[in-house]
Amino acid sequence: SFFTFILFVLPCRSQSSDFKVIGYYAGASIPIDSFETNKLTHLIYCFGVLCDNRFCLRAETDTAIIQSMVALKMKQPDLKVMLSLGGWGGCGPCSDVFSTEQGRGDFAASVKEISDYFGTDGLDLDWEYPVVKGFPGHKYSEDDKRSFSLLIQTLRSTCGPDFQISFAAGGFTDYIRRAVDWPFV
């Protein structure tokens, strides 16, 4: 059976001390309304891909998936619906695209455009991994750490202060020590 729904409960430090309950949804065989989404604070579509420098959906059918996720907000107005880029094996061109101002700008503009179109609340970056080896054959560079920080900055300035930005962080020592400028993000 294909897993279409992954649930995480994370103690996030934000302006409130409430727990965030986050689910990732990929669509496929089980409709989103089959799950107890009323227990979620965040629902994340997984995964978009890079097409040139732009955020793209994997397939035309993903439009309906995202629309069904956003429709849940009618019954659950506090639910945050986010898009996600990458996933394991889904960020091959990230190092090259995000290493340039043009690439980061094009990507951020496309994220704003698609988020405005669907009415989503943010973006989850699942770049596996900046700086350290991730998916076999994917490029990575010491410059990725700076590129990742600049990408977050570009997304924030393009999409606005209320746009939610999260990222999947590797839980291993090399990633924690080298991949992210923690005070910046």
Protein backbone atom coordinates (compact mmCIF):
# COMPACT_ATOMS: atom_id res chain seq x y z
CA SER A 1 0.00 0.00 0.00
CA PHE A 2 1.26 3.46 -0.90
CA PHE A 3 1.49 5.86 2.05
CA THR A 4 -0.40 9.00 1.16
CA PHE A 5 -0.50 10.68 4.52
CA ILE A 6 2.29 11.22 7.01
CA LEU A 7 1.61 12.80 10.37
CA PHE A 8 4.12 14.61 12.56
CA VAL A 9 3.51 16.19 15.93
CA LEU A 10 6.19 18.77 16.55
CA PRO A 11 6.67 21.06 19.52
CA CYS A 12 7.33 24.24 17.57
CA ARG A 13 8.50 27.36 19.32
CA SER A 14 6.50 30.16 17.82
CA GLN A 15 4.68 33.18 19.14
CA SER A 16 2.56 30.76 21.13
CA SER A 17 3.62 27.63 22.96
CA ASP A 18 1.02 25.46 21.21
CA PHE A 19 2.02 22.25 19.52
CA LYS A 20 1.86 22.13 15.74
CA VAL A 21 0.38 18.98 14.26
CA ILE A 22 1.59 18.64 10.69
CA GLY A 23 0.47 16.22 8.00
CA TYR A 24 2.04 15.66 4.57
CA TYR A 25 -0.34 14.55 1.83
CA ALA A 26 0.59 13.20 -1.58
CA GLY A 27 -2.84 12.32 -2.88
CA ALA A 28 -3.13 9.03 -4.72
CA SER A 29 -5.65 6.42 -3.61
CA ILE A 30 -7.10 7.84 -0.38
CA PRO A 31 -9.06 11.13 -0.48
CA ILE A 32 -7.93 13.79 1.98
CA ASP A 33 -11.36 13.96 3.64
CA SER A 34 -10.89 10.32 4.73
CA PHE A 35 -8.42 11.51 7.37
CA GLU A 36 -9.08 13.31 10.65
CA THR A 37 -7.65 16.57 9.36
CA ASN A 38 -9.49 18.48 12.07
CA LYS A 39 -6.63 17.45 14.39
CA LEU A 40 -4.03 19.15 12.18
CA THR A 41 -2.68 22.67 12.40
CA HIS A 42 -0.79 22.34 9.08
CA LEU A 43 -1.38 20.24 5.99
CA ILE A 44 1.44 20.08 3.45
CA TYR A 45 1.15 19.01 -0.20
CA CYS A 46 4.11 16.87 -1.18
CA PHE A 47 5.92 17.35 -3.40
CA GLY A 48 6.41 20.00 -6.05
CA VAL A 49 9.48 20.01 -8.27
CA LEU A 50 11.72 22.54 -9.98
CA CYS A 51 11.09 23.16 -13.68
CA ASP A 52 13.85 25.45 -14.82
CA ASN A 53 13.80 27.95 -11.94
CA ARG A 54 10.10 27.64 -11.12
CA PHE A 55 7.99 25.67 -8.66
CA CYS A 56 5.88 23.15 -10.61
CA LEU A 57 3.41 20.47 -9.75
CA ARG A 58 4.36 16.88 -10.60
CA ALA A 59 1.19 16.19 -12.55
CA GLU A 60 -2.00 17.88 -13.69
CA THR A 61 -3.94 15.80 -11.17
CA ASP A 62 -2.11 17.58 -8.34
CA THR A 63 -4.24 20.66 -9.01
CA ALA A 64 -7.30 18.76 -7.73
CA ILE A 65 -5.33 17.46 -4.74
CA ILE A 66 -4.30 20.96 -3.67
CA GLN A 67 -7.80 22.33 -4.26
CA SER A 68 -9.26 19.61 -2.02
CA MET A 69 -6.70 20.43 0.67
CA VAL A 70 -7.49 24.15 0.53
CA ALA A 71 -11.25 23.38 0.58
CA LEU A 72 -10.76 21.94 4.07
CA LYS A 73 -10.19 25.48 5.29
CA MET A 74 -13.92 26.15 4.83
CA LYS A 75 -14.60 23.83 7.80
CA GLN A 76 -11.25 24.42 9.52
CA PRO A 77 -10.42 28.13 9.13
CA ASP A 78 -7.29 27.89 11.30
CA LEU A 79 -5.78 25.11 9.18
CA LYS A 80 -2.64 26.19 7.30
CA VAL A 81 -2.21 24.54 3.91
CA MET A 82 1.30 24.64 2.49
CA LEU A 83 3.09 23.50 -0.63
CA SER A 84 6.34 21.57 -0.42
CA LEU A 85 9.31 21.36 -2.76
CA GLY A 86 11.57 18.39 -3.17
CA GLY A 87 11.53 15.37 -0.94
CA TRP A 88 14.05 12.55 -1.16
CA GLY A 89 15.23 12.56 -4.75
CA GLY A 90 13.16 15.60 -5.69
CA CYS A 91 15.72 18.37 -5.48
CA GLY A 92 18.40 17.50 -8.01
CA PRO A 93 18.72 21.02 -9.46
CA CYS A 94 18.35 22.87 -6.12
CA SER A 95 22.06 23.56 -5.58
CA ASP A 96 22.47 25.10 -9.05
CA VAL A 97 19.14 27.00 -9.16
CA PHE A 98 19.40 28.48 -5.66
CA SER A 99 23.05 29.49 -6.09
CA THR A 100 22.06 32.50 -8.21
CA GLU A 101 20.03 35.59 -7.42
CA GLN A 102 18.07 35.03 -10.64
CA GLY A 103 17.26 31.44 -9.72
CA ARG A 104 16.13 32.35 -6.21
CA GLY A 105 14.07 35.28 -7.51
CA ASP A 106 12.38 33.25 -10.23
CA PHE A 107 11.59 30.49 -7.76
CA ALA A 108 10.18 32.84 -5.12
CA ALA A 109 8.02 34.64 -7.72
CA SER A 110 6.63 31.29 -8.93
CA VAL A 111 5.90 30.19 -5.35
CA LYS A 112 3.98 33.43 -4.72
CA GLU A 113 2.10 33.01 -7.99
CA ILE A 114 1.02 29.42 -7.32
CA SER A 115 0.26 30.12 -3.64
CA ASP A 116 -1.93 33.08 -4.60
CA TYR A 117 -3.67 30.97 -7.24
CA PHE A 118 -4.54 28.13 -4.84
CA GLY A 119 -4.89 30.19 -1.66
CA THR A 120 -2.19 28.31 0.25
CA ASP A 121 -0.43 29.69 3.31
CA GLY A 122 3.22 28.83 2.86
CA LEU A 123 6.05 26.67 1.58
CA ASP A 124 7.94 23.77 3.08
CA LEU A 125 11.43 23.35 1.62
CA ASP A 126 12.46 19.72 1.57
CA TRP A 127 15.89 20.13 -0.03
CA GLU A 128 17.79 16.97 0.84
CA TYR A 129 20.42 18.37 1.36
CA PRO A 130 22.22 21.68 1.19
CA VAL A 131 26.01 21.32 1.74
CA VAL A 132 26.02 17.58 2.55
CA LYS A 133 25.49 14.49 0.43
CA GLY A 134 21.88 13.51 0.02
CA PHE A 135 20.18 11.65 -2.80
CA PRO A 136 22.78 9.80 -4.91
CA GLY A 137 23.97 11.89 -7.83
CA HIS A 138 22.50 15.20 -6.64
CA LYS A 139 24.90 18.12 -6.60
CA TYR A 140 25.78 19.74 -3.30
CA SER A 141 28.30 22.44 -2.41
CA GLU A 142 29.70 24.36 0.57
CA ASP A 143 28.02 27.42 -1.00
CA ASP A 144 24.60 25.82 -0.44
CA LYS A 145 24.52 27.06 3.16
CA ARG A 146 24.63 30.68 2.01
CA SER A 147 22.26 29.95 -0.90
CA PHE A 148 19.74 28.37 1.47
CA SER A 149 19.78 31.43 3.74
CA LEU A 150 19.41 33.78 0.78
CA LEU A 151 16.56 31.64 -0.55
CA ILE A 152 14.67 31.99 2.75
CA GLN A 153 15.29 35.76 2.66
CA THR A 154 14.08 36.00 -0.96
CA LEU A 155 10.95 33.96 -0.22
CA ARG A 156 10.17 36.16 2.79
CA SER A 157 10.57 39.42 0.86
CA THR A 158 8.62 38.13 -2.15
CA CYS A 159 5.79 36.31 -0.38
CA GLY A 160 5.32 38.59 2.62
CA PRO A 161 5.61 38.47 6.40
CA ASP A 162 2.57 36.24 6.96
CA PHE A 163 3.69 33.59 4.46
CA GLN A 164 4.75 30.51 6.41
CA ILE A 165 8.13 29.01 5.57
CA SER A 166 9.34 25.71 6.97
CA PHE A 167 12.02 23.25 5.98
CA ALA A 168 12.84 19.62 6.50
CA ALA A 169 16.05 19.44 8.50
CA GLY A 170 18.23 16.36 8.47
CA GLY A 171 18.52 14.89 11.94
CA PHE A 172 22.16 13.87 11.61
CA THR A 173 25.24 15.63 12.97
CA ASP A 174 26.86 16.63 9.67
CA TYR A 175 23.65 18.35 8.52
CA ILE A 176 23.08 20.09 11.84
CA ARG A 177 26.64 21.40 12.00
CA ARG A 178 27.18 22.39 8.38
CA ALA A 179 24.04 22.76 6.24
CA VAL A 180 22.06 25.61 7.78
CA ASP A 181 22.93 29.00 9.22
CA TRP A 182 20.70 28.40 12.26
CA PRO A 183 20.72 31.95 13.70
CA PHE A 184 19.61 33.27 10.29
CA VAL A 185 16.69 30.92 9.71
